[in-house]
N, C-alpha and C. Protein backbone atom coordinates (compact mmCIF):
# COMPACT_ATOMS: atom_id res chain seq x y z
N MET A 1 90.74 220.61 -34.81
CA MET A 1 91.04 219.40 -33.96
C MET A 1 89.92 219.45 -33.22
N GLN A 2 89.14 218.05 -32.75
CA GLN A 2 88.35 218.21 -32.22
C GLN A 2 88.46 216.61 -30.78
N VAL A 3 87.88 216.46 -29.70
CA VAL A 3 88.48 215.37 -29.10
C VAL A 3 87.75 214.06 -29.48
N SER A 4 88.19 213.05 -29.29
CA SER A 4 87.97 211.71 -29.91
C SER A 4 86.75 211.06 -29.24
N ARG A 5 86.45 210.38 -30.11
CA ARG A 5 84.94 209.46 -29.51
C ARG A 5 85.76 208.67 -28.59
N ARG A 6 86.53 208.24 -28.31
CA ARG A 6 86.83 207.24 -27.15
C ARG A 6 87.13 208.04 -25.93
N PHE A 7 87.38 209.43 -25.75
CA PHE A 7 87.41 210.65 -25.07
C PHE A 7 86.45 211.07 -24.43
N ILE A 8 85.24 210.81 -25.69
CA ILE A 8 83.87 211.30 -25.10
C ILE A 8 83.19 210.46 -24.44
N ARG A 9 83.53 209.12 -24.71
CA ARG A 9 82.79 207.97 -24.12
C ARG A 9 83.51 207.67 -23.19
N ALA A 10 84.73 207.56 -22.56
CA ALA A 10 85.33 207.60 -21.46
C ALA A 10 84.54 208.65 -20.45
N VAL A 11 84.53 209.73 -20.78
CA VAL A 11 83.66 210.73 -20.08
C VAL A 11 82.35 210.65 -19.41
N ARG A 12 81.70 209.75 -20.61
CA ARG A 12 79.96 209.61 -20.36
C ARG A 12 79.90 208.48 -19.99
N GLU A 13 80.69 207.40 -19.84
CA GLU A 13 80.65 206.23 -19.14
C GLU A 13 81.52 206.10 -17.64
N ALA A 14 81.51 206.82 -17.54
CA ALA A 14 82.90 207.11 -16.21
C ALA A 14 81.69 206.77 -15.13
N PRO A 15 82.07 206.49 -13.84
CA PRO A 15 81.62 205.56 -13.01
C PRO A 15 81.23 207.25 -11.85
N VAL A 16 81.39 207.71 -12.20
CA VAL A 16 81.12 209.29 -11.76
C VAL A 16 80.41 210.36 -12.06
N ARG A 17 80.06 211.08 -11.80
CA ARG A 17 79.17 212.22 -12.36
C ARG A 17 80.09 213.42 -13.16
N GLN A 18 79.89 213.52 -14.44
CA GLN A 18 80.30 214.57 -15.26
C GLN A 18 80.99 215.43 -14.58
N TYR A 19 80.57 216.50 -13.30
CA TYR A 19 80.57 217.76 -12.78
C TYR A 19 81.74 217.28 -11.74
N LEU A 20 81.79 215.75 -11.38
CA LEU A 20 82.85 215.71 -10.58
C LEU A 20 84.27 215.62 -11.47
N ILE A 21 84.17 215.18 -12.47
CA ILE A 21 85.04 214.78 -13.36
C ILE A 21 85.87 216.42 -13.57
N ALA A 22 85.13 217.16 -13.85
CA ALA A 22 85.11 218.34 -14.37
C ALA A 22 85.93 219.41 -12.91
N HIS A 23 85.44 218.84 -11.88
CA HIS A 23 86.37 219.73 -10.71
C HIS A 23 87.39 219.40 -10.83
N ALA A 24 87.73 217.81 -10.68
CA ALA A 24 88.81 216.96 -10.11
C ALA A 24 89.96 217.51 -11.35
N ALA A 25 89.60 217.77 -12.60
CA ALA A 25 90.18 218.53 -13.70
C ALA A 25 90.91 219.59 -13.69
N GLY A 26 89.81 220.60 -12.49
CA GLY A 26 89.92 222.38 -12.65
C GLY A 26 89.73 223.13 -13.47
N LEU A 27 88.51 222.49 -13.95
CA LEU A 27 87.38 222.85 -14.83
C LEU A 27 85.94 223.34 -14.26
N HIS A 28 85.22 224.12 -14.73
CA HIS A 28 84.19 224.43 -14.67
C HIS A 28 83.02 222.80 -15.14
N PRO A 29 81.73 222.69 -14.71
CA PRO A 29 81.10 221.38 -15.92
C PRO A 29 80.78 221.99 -16.89
N SER A 30 80.79 223.57 -16.97
CA SER A 30 79.78 223.66 -18.29
C SER A 30 81.25 223.71 -18.74
N THR A 31 82.49 224.17 -19.07
CA THR A 31 83.50 224.33 -19.48
C THR A 31 83.65 222.71 -20.06
N LEU A 32 83.57 221.82 -19.19
CA LEU A 32 83.84 220.13 -19.93
C LEU A 32 82.75 219.59 -20.84
N SER A 33 81.12 220.05 -20.52
CA SER A 33 80.26 219.88 -21.37
C SER A 33 80.42 220.71 -23.03
N ARG A 34 80.93 221.74 -23.23
CA ARG A 34 81.39 222.88 -24.40
C ARG A 34 82.26 221.71 -25.14
N ILE A 35 82.93 221.29 -24.40
CA ILE A 35 84.30 220.42 -25.28
C ILE A 35 83.39 219.07 -25.53
N LEU A 36 82.83 218.41 -24.58
CA LEU A 36 82.05 217.46 -25.48
C LEU A 36 81.28 217.53 -26.19
N ASN A 37 80.45 218.82 -26.14
CA ASN A 37 79.59 218.81 -27.37
C ASN A 37 79.97 219.26 -28.57
N GLY A 38 81.58 219.89 -28.36
CA GLY A 38 82.31 220.47 -29.69
C GLY A 38 81.81 221.83 -29.73
N ILE A 39 81.25 222.45 -28.68
CA ILE A 39 80.89 224.17 -28.63
C ILE A 39 82.12 224.68 -28.53
N ASP A 40 83.03 224.11 -27.84
CA ASP A 40 84.19 225.05 -27.89
C ASP A 40 85.15 224.17 -28.33
N ASP A 41 86.34 225.13 -29.35
CA ASP A 41 87.12 224.35 -29.97
C ASP A 41 88.35 223.85 -28.89
N VAL A 42 89.34 222.97 -29.44
CA VAL A 42 90.77 222.60 -28.69
C VAL A 42 91.29 222.74 -29.73
N ARG A 43 92.56 222.70 -29.10
CA ARG A 43 93.62 222.15 -29.86
C ARG A 43 94.29 221.37 -29.60
N GLU A 44 95.61 221.04 -30.67
CA GLU A 44 95.74 219.77 -30.12
C GLU A 44 97.13 220.14 -28.86
N ASN A 45 96.86 218.58 -27.73
CA ASN A 45 97.32 219.35 -26.29
C ASN A 45 96.76 220.15 -25.58
N ASP A 46 95.51 220.56 -26.12
CA ASP A 46 94.65 221.59 -25.08
C ASP A 46 94.65 220.98 -23.38
N ARG A 47 95.54 221.80 -22.51
CA ARG A 47 95.79 221.63 -21.35
C ARG A 47 94.05 221.13 -20.90
N ARG A 48 92.98 221.78 -20.93
CA ARG A 48 91.77 221.45 -20.20
C ARG A 48 91.73 219.85 -20.46
N VAL A 49 91.39 219.09 -21.69
CA VAL A 49 91.34 218.02 -22.09
C VAL A 49 92.45 217.16 -21.71
N LEU A 50 93.54 217.40 -21.42
CA LEU A 50 94.95 216.46 -21.13
C LEU A 50 94.68 216.37 -19.58
N ALA A 51 93.95 217.68 -19.08
CA ALA A 51 93.63 217.45 -17.47
C ALA A 51 92.34 216.31 -17.07
N VAL A 52 91.58 216.52 -18.37
CA VAL A 52 90.37 215.64 -17.57
C VAL A 52 91.24 214.30 -18.18
N ALA A 53 91.72 213.87 -19.07
CA ALA A 53 92.25 212.83 -19.91
C ALA A 53 93.13 212.29 -18.03
N ARG A 54 94.27 213.08 -17.59
CA ARG A 54 94.36 212.89 -16.37
C ARG A 54 93.50 212.37 -15.75
N VAL A 55 92.96 212.78 -15.13
CA VAL A 55 91.52 211.98 -14.23
C VAL A 55 90.90 210.47 -14.79
N LEU A 56 90.82 210.27 -15.90
CA LEU A 56 90.03 209.28 -16.80
C LEU A 56 91.45 208.29 -16.38
N LYS A 57 92.91 208.97 -16.38
CA LYS A 57 94.01 207.73 -16.83
C LYS A 57 93.92 207.54 -18.50
N LEU A 58 93.43 208.48 -19.04
CA LEU A 58 93.75 208.61 -20.87
C LEU A 58 95.28 208.65 -21.22
N ARG A 59 95.58 207.93 -22.33
CA ARG A 59 96.96 208.50 -22.85
C ARG A 59 96.74 210.05 -23.91
N PRO A 60 97.35 210.91 -23.86
CA PRO A 60 96.98 212.18 -24.47
C PRO A 60 96.83 211.69 -26.25
N ALA A 61 97.15 210.79 -26.69
CA ALA A 61 96.92 209.96 -28.12
C ALA A 61 95.89 209.79 -27.90
N GLU A 62 95.08 209.41 -27.40
CA GLU A 62 93.69 208.53 -27.19
C GLU A 62 92.90 209.93 -27.36
N CYS A 63 93.34 211.24 -26.90
CA CYS A 63 91.83 212.69 -26.32
C CYS A 63 91.68 213.25 -27.84
N PHE A 64 92.53 212.99 -28.85
CA PHE A 64 92.23 214.16 -29.88
C PHE A 64 92.17 213.67 -30.97
N ARG A 65 91.12 213.97 -32.43
CA ARG A 65 91.22 213.48 -33.77
C ARG A 65 91.53 214.59 -34.34
N ALA A 66 91.55 214.38 -35.71
CA ALA A 66 91.51 215.66 -36.65
C ALA A 66 90.14 216.35 -36.92
N ALA A 67 90.00 217.41 -37.04
CA ALA A 67 88.77 217.95 -37.60
C ALA A 67 87.58 217.25 -38.89
N ASP A 68 88.60 217.31 -39.82
CA ASP A 68 88.61 217.14 -41.12
C ASP A 68 88.34 215.25 -41.11
N SER A 69 88.32 214.59 -40.55
CA SER A 69 88.45 213.13 -40.06
C SER A 69 87.07 212.39 -40.85
N SER A 70 87.38 213.06 -42.26
CA SER A 70 85.51 212.41 -43.04
C SER A 70 86.33 211.12 -43.82
N VAL A 71 85.48 210.43 -44.30
CA VAL A 71 85.53 209.26 -45.23
C VAL A 71 85.50 209.68 -46.54
N LEU A 72 86.61 209.32 -47.09
CA LEU A 72 86.79 209.37 -48.41
C LEU A 72 85.79 208.97 -49.06
N VAL A 73 85.12 208.89 -49.84
CA VAL A 73 84.24 208.31 -50.91
C VAL A 73 85.03 208.04 -52.62
N PRO A 74 85.04 206.87 -53.02
CA PRO A 74 85.89 207.36 -54.72
C PRO A 74 84.58 208.19 -55.38
N ASP A 75 85.26 208.61 -56.48
CA ASP A 75 84.51 209.44 -57.44
C ASP A 75 83.41 208.20 -58.33
N ALA A 76 82.17 208.20 -58.36
CA ALA A 76 81.63 207.94 -59.06
C ALA A 76 81.37 207.61 -60.12
N GLY A 77 82.23 208.86 -61.19
CA GLY A 77 82.17 208.66 -62.56
C GLY A 77 83.62 207.94 -63.02
N LYS A 78 84.27 207.45 -62.32
CA LYS A 78 85.88 207.09 -62.32
C LYS A 78 85.60 205.31 -61.86
N GLY A 79 84.65 204.63 -62.45
CA GLY A 79 84.37 203.43 -62.06
C GLY A 79 85.37 202.45 -63.10
N ASP A 80 85.14 201.36 -62.91
CA ASP A 80 86.35 200.24 -63.32
C ASP A 80 86.39 200.30 -64.81
N GLN A 81 87.32 200.77 -65.40
CA GLN A 81 87.87 201.07 -66.68
C GLN A 81 87.82 199.52 -67.47
N ASN A 82 88.03 198.59 -67.39
CA ASN A 82 87.70 197.21 -67.61
C ASN A 82 86.53 196.38 -68.01
N ALA A 83 85.50 197.17 -67.03
CA ALA A 83 84.27 196.42 -67.13
C ALA A 83 83.27 197.00 -68.43
N GLY A 84 82.26 196.04 -68.77
CA GLY A 84 81.93 196.40 -70.07
C GLY A 84 81.45 195.51 -71.24
């Protein structure tokens, strides 16, 4: 599980500095930095992320995304069978 792009953008674009957001959420600023940069693993409904979400007035559903949310690319070998 990772934090969502929406969560990261909300923290980075907040009108106050990140260390103030971290302190208001009860976190050390370096903990917030590690979460934003993907260094610390987060779990679904991680209390640290939810605390920051409360400070920024975000809904919990806006804070998380699956770690394997990759783009699916169709197999190149299985093109249109009717072409030709």
